[in-house]
């Protein structure tokens, strides 16, 4: 049987050219992919924080709890524990009547731990912080690192009730946390960074850090 003489394979030179082209395309795409992956990681963390805040305040408004707490517990540049807790109506009434209502970090003070997650990003503080909400907003309290926070401006308005998440690489440059006091300075806050704001009534708003300002998202 006669073999078809027109069938040809790749030459070594052609194979080297193809490999070189693939390597160049991969090298060009790698930084974009790394940036996208870093942004995705930080954005996801901000969405988890916003979701937990919204969820615990929704349960508050529905009457499942009479008092709720949101906790931030930093774990270094690569992780942060986020926890929510709730207090039932009878416990809340007892504490109100005894004049002892507070935003306590003591687990025994609360009736239930509602949710706990670990996000794999740093936050703007290296100390624990707590914020508590009541249905009518009258017992809105913040303690620890969330009390008397550093105020900065978002679209011309000063804010102090927030959680900020940034990349691990950025936090390592500025003391292991997303330090708001270095905004606009070297090294300063870099993209990606996301901000979650809350009000005394549990309203949540999310922002993304641009080159020099925050944009709502």
Protein backbone atom coordinates (compact mmCIF):
# COMPACT_ATOMS: atom_id res chain seq x y z
CA UNK A 1 0.00 0.00 0.00
CA UNK A 2 1.44 3.33 -1.03
CA UNK A 3 1.69 6.00 1.74
CA UNK A 4 0.36 9.50 1.05
CA UNK A 5 3.44 11.67 0.67
CA UNK A 6 1.47 14.96 1.22
CA UNK A 7 0.94 14.40 4.95
CA UNK A 8 3.37 16.52 6.92
CA UNK A 9 3.96 17.18 10.63
CA UNK A 10 5.23 20.26 12.47
CA UNK A 11 8.86 21.10 12.07
CA UNK A 12 10.89 21.92 15.17
CA UNK A 13 11.04 25.58 14.13
CA UNK A 14 7.27 25.81 13.74
CA UNK A 15 6.75 24.19 17.14
CA UNK A 16 9.14 26.67 18.78
CA UNK A 17 7.28 29.59 17.18
CA UNK A 18 3.93 28.32 18.50
CA UNK A 19 5.34 27.82 22.00
CA UNK A 20 6.84 31.33 21.94
CA UNK A 21 3.50 32.87 20.92
CA UNK A 22 1.62 31.00 23.66
CA UNK A 23 4.22 32.10 26.24
CA UNK A 24 3.94 35.75 25.16
CA UNK A 25 0.13 35.72 25.31
CA UNK A 26 0.20 34.04 28.73
CA UNK A 27 2.72 36.55 30.08
CA UNK A 28 0.63 39.46 28.81
CA UNK A 29 -2.59 38.07 30.31
CA UNK A 30 -1.16 37.07 33.70
CA UNK A 31 -1.13 40.57 35.29
CA UNK A 32 -4.72 41.20 34.21
CA UNK A 33 -5.81 37.85 35.61
CA UNK A 34 -3.98 38.47 38.90
CA UNK A 35 -5.59 41.89 39.24
CA UNK A 36 -9.01 40.45 38.45
CA UNK A 37 -8.55 37.64 40.96
CA UNK A 38 -7.38 40.02 43.68
CA UNK A 39 -10.36 42.31 43.08
CA UNK A 40 -12.76 39.36 43.09
CA UNK A 41 -11.42 38.22 46.46
CA UNK A 42 -11.76 41.63 48.13
CA UNK A 43 -15.15 42.33 46.51
CA UNK A 44 -16.47 38.97 47.75
CA UNK A 45 -15.37 39.81 51.31
CA UNK A 46 -17.21 43.15 51.20
CA UNK A 47 -20.34 41.42 49.90
CA UNK A 48 -20.18 38.89 52.73
CA UNK A 49 -19.93 41.67 55.30
CA UNK A 50 -22.82 43.58 53.73
CA UNK A 51 -24.91 40.40 53.55
CA UNK A 52 -24.37 39.59 57.23
CA UNK A 53 -25.27 43.13 58.29
CA UNK A 54 -28.40 43.06 56.16
CA UNK A 55 -29.41 39.61 57.37
CA UNK A 56 -29.10 40.36 61.08
CA UNK A 57 -31.02 43.63 60.73
CA UNK A 58 -33.72 41.92 58.67
CA UNK A 59 -34.19 39.43 61.52
CA UNK A 60 -34.33 42.38 63.92
CA UNK A 61 -37.08 44.10 61.92
CA UNK A 62 -39.05 40.85 61.64
CA UNK A 63 -39.03 40.48 65.42
CA UNK A 64 -36.86 37.37 65.58
CA UNK A 65 -34.57 39.37 67.88
CA UNK A 66 -34.94 42.59 69.84
CA UNK A 67 -31.26 43.48 69.85
CA UNK A 68 -28.46 42.34 67.53
CA UNK A 69 -24.70 42.68 67.23
CA UNK A 70 -22.20 42.62 64.37
CA UNK A 71 -18.58 41.79 65.23
CA UNK A 72 -15.28 42.25 63.41
CA UNK A 73 -12.39 40.17 64.79
CA UNK A 74 -9.14 40.71 62.83
CA UNK A 75 -6.82 37.76 62.38
CA UNK A 76 -3.85 39.38 60.63
CA UNK A 77 -3.28 40.37 57.03
CA UNK A 78 -4.89 37.28 55.53
CA UNK A 79 -8.10 36.65 57.49
CA UNK A 80 -10.87 38.27 59.52
CA UNK A 81 -13.66 36.64 61.53
CA UNK A 82 -17.11 38.17 61.11
CA UNK A 83 -19.83 37.21 63.59
CA UNK A 84 -23.43 38.22 64.31
CA UNK A 85 -25.42 37.65 67.50
CA UNK A 86 -29.00 38.13 68.63
CA UNK A 87 -30.95 38.79 71.82
CA UNK A 88 -34.54 37.61 72.34
CA UNK A 89 -37.38 39.81 73.53
CA UNK A 90 -37.54 38.59 77.14
CA UNK A 91 -33.78 38.96 77.66
CA UNK A 92 -33.85 42.43 76.10
CA UNK A 93 -36.72 43.51 78.39
CA UNK A 94 -34.88 42.27 81.46
CA UNK A 95 -31.74 44.19 80.53
CA UNK A 96 -33.67 47.34 79.68
CA UNK A 97 -35.52 47.20 83.01
CA UNK A 98 -32.25 46.70 84.89
CA UNK A 99 -30.56 49.50 82.93
CA UNK A 100 -27.77 47.23 81.71
CA UNK A 101 -28.26 47.27 77.95
CA UNK A 102 -24.89 47.55 76.22
CA UNK A 103 -22.97 46.36 73.17
CA UNK A 104 -21.11 43.69 75.13
CA UNK A 105 -18.54 41.38 73.55
CA UNK A 106 -19.29 38.74 76.21
CA UNK A 107 -20.84 35.66 74.59
CA UNK A 108 -22.99 35.04 77.67
CA UNK A 109 -24.64 38.42 77.22
CA UNK A 110 -26.32 37.22 74.00
CA UNK A 111 -28.89 34.51 73.44
CA UNK A 112 -27.63 33.23 70.12
CA UNK A 113 -24.73 33.37 67.69
CA UNK A 114 -26.56 33.75 64.39
CA UNK A 115 -23.74 33.47 61.88
CA UNK A 116 -19.94 33.29 61.80
CA UNK A 117 -17.62 33.30 58.80
CA UNK A 118 -13.93 33.88 58.11
CA UNK A 119 -13.12 36.14 55.17
CA UNK A 120 -9.66 35.78 53.64
CA UNK A 121 -8.88 39.52 53.53
CA UNK A 122 -7.69 42.11 56.05
CA UNK A 123 -9.82 44.97 57.36
CA UNK A 124 -9.09 48.55 58.42
CA UNK A 125 -8.36 47.67 62.04
CA UNK A 126 -6.16 45.24 63.94
CA UNK A 127 -8.43 45.24 67.03
CA UNK A 128 -11.86 43.78 67.67
CA UNK A 129 -14.89 45.98 67.07
CA UNK A 130 -18.63 45.67 67.69
CA UNK A 131 -21.77 47.49 66.54
CA UNK A 132 -25.25 46.87 67.98
CA UNK A 133 -28.67 47.69 66.55
CA UNK A 134 -32.15 48.00 68.03
CA UNK A 135 -35.32 48.04 65.95
CA UNK A 136 -36.06 51.73 66.46
CA UNK A 137 -32.42 52.84 66.32
CA UNK A 138 -32.37 54.21 69.87
CA UNK A 139 -29.88 51.65 71.18
CA UNK A 140 -27.37 51.99 68.36
CA UNK A 141 -24.03 51.41 70.09
CA UNK A 142 -20.47 50.80 68.90
CA UNK A 143 -17.58 49.58 71.00
CA UNK A 144 -13.97 48.51 70.57
CA UNK A 145 -12.32 49.53 67.33
CA UNK A 146 -15.68 50.52 65.78
CA UNK A 147 -16.25 53.25 68.37
CA UNK A 148 -15.04 56.75 67.51
CA UNK A 149 -13.55 55.60 64.24
CA UNK A 150 -11.32 57.75 62.10
CA UNK A 151 -13.62 59.91 60.00
CA UNK A 152 -13.04 60.39 56.30
CA UNK A 153 -15.04 61.72 53.40
CA UNK A 154 -17.06 59.73 50.87
CA UNK A 155 -18.36 61.94 48.06
CA UNK A 156 -18.05 65.00 50.26
CA UNK A 157 -19.76 63.50 53.32
CA UNK A 158 -17.88 62.43 56.45
CA UNK A 159 -18.50 58.84 57.54
CA UNK A 160 -17.52 56.98 60.71
CA UNK A 161 -19.75 53.89 60.66
CA UNK A 162 -17.99 51.49 58.30
CA UNK A 163 -15.92 48.41 57.58
CA UNK A 164 -13.18 48.54 54.97
CA UNK A 165 -11.53 45.57 53.25
CA UNK A 166 -8.43 45.67 51.06
CA UNK A 167 -5.89 43.29 49.55
CA UNK A 168 -3.37 41.39 51.64
CA UNK A 169 -0.48 42.95 49.71
CA UNK A 170 -1.73 46.47 50.43
CA UNK A 171 -2.24 45.75 54.14
CA UNK A 172 1.30 44.44 54.46
CA UNK A 173 2.60 47.82 53.29
CA UNK A 174 0.71 49.80 55.90
CA UNK A 175 1.04 47.92 59.17
CA UNK A 176 -1.15 44.90 58.50
CA UNK A 177 -4.43 46.74 58.01
CA UNK A 178 -6.24 49.01 55.56
CA UNK A 179 -5.15 52.27 57.16
CA UNK A 180 -7.52 55.10 56.23
CA UNK A 181 -5.15 57.77 57.54
CA UNK A 182 -2.81 57.20 54.61
CA UNK A 183 -5.40 57.86 51.91
CA UNK A 184 -3.72 59.74 49.08
CA UNK A 185 -0.24 59.23 50.55
CA UNK A 186 2.58 56.82 49.81
CA UNK A 187 1.95 53.89 49.94
CA UNK A 188 -1.67 54.72 50.79
CA UNK A 189 -4.76 52.73 50.05
CA UNK A 190 -4.60 50.90 46.74
CA UNK A 191 -7.15 49.15 44.56
CA UNK A 192 -8.86 46.86 45.20
CA UNK A 193 -10.58 48.20 48.30
CA UNK A 194 -14.26 48.10 49.21
CA UNK A 195 -16.19 49.98 51.86
CA UNK A 196 -19.37 48.92 53.66
CA UNK A 197 -21.30 51.67 55.45
CA UNK A 198 -24.17 51.19 57.90
CA UNK A 199 -26.65 53.48 59.62
CA UNK A 200 -28.22 53.21 63.06
CA UNK A 201 -31.26 51.65 61.38
CA UNK A 202 -29.18 48.96 59.66
CA UNK A 203 -29.19 50.45 56.17
CA UNK A 204 -26.16 49.16 54.26
CA UNK A 205 -24.35 50.92 51.40
CA UNK A 206 -21.34 49.60 49.47
CA UNK A 207 -18.56 51.58 47.78
CA UNK A 208 -15.54 50.76 45.66
CA UNK A 209 -12.22 52.61 45.85
CA UNK A 210 -11.11 54.23 42.60
CA UNK A 211 -7.98 56.21 41.88
CA UNK A 212 -8.81 58.96 44.35
CA UNK A 213 -12.42 58.59 45.48
CA UNK A 214 -15.21 56.16 46.31
CA UNK A 215 -17.94 55.13 43.89
CA UNK A 216 -21.20 53.50 44.96
CA UNK A 217 -21.80 49.96 43.80
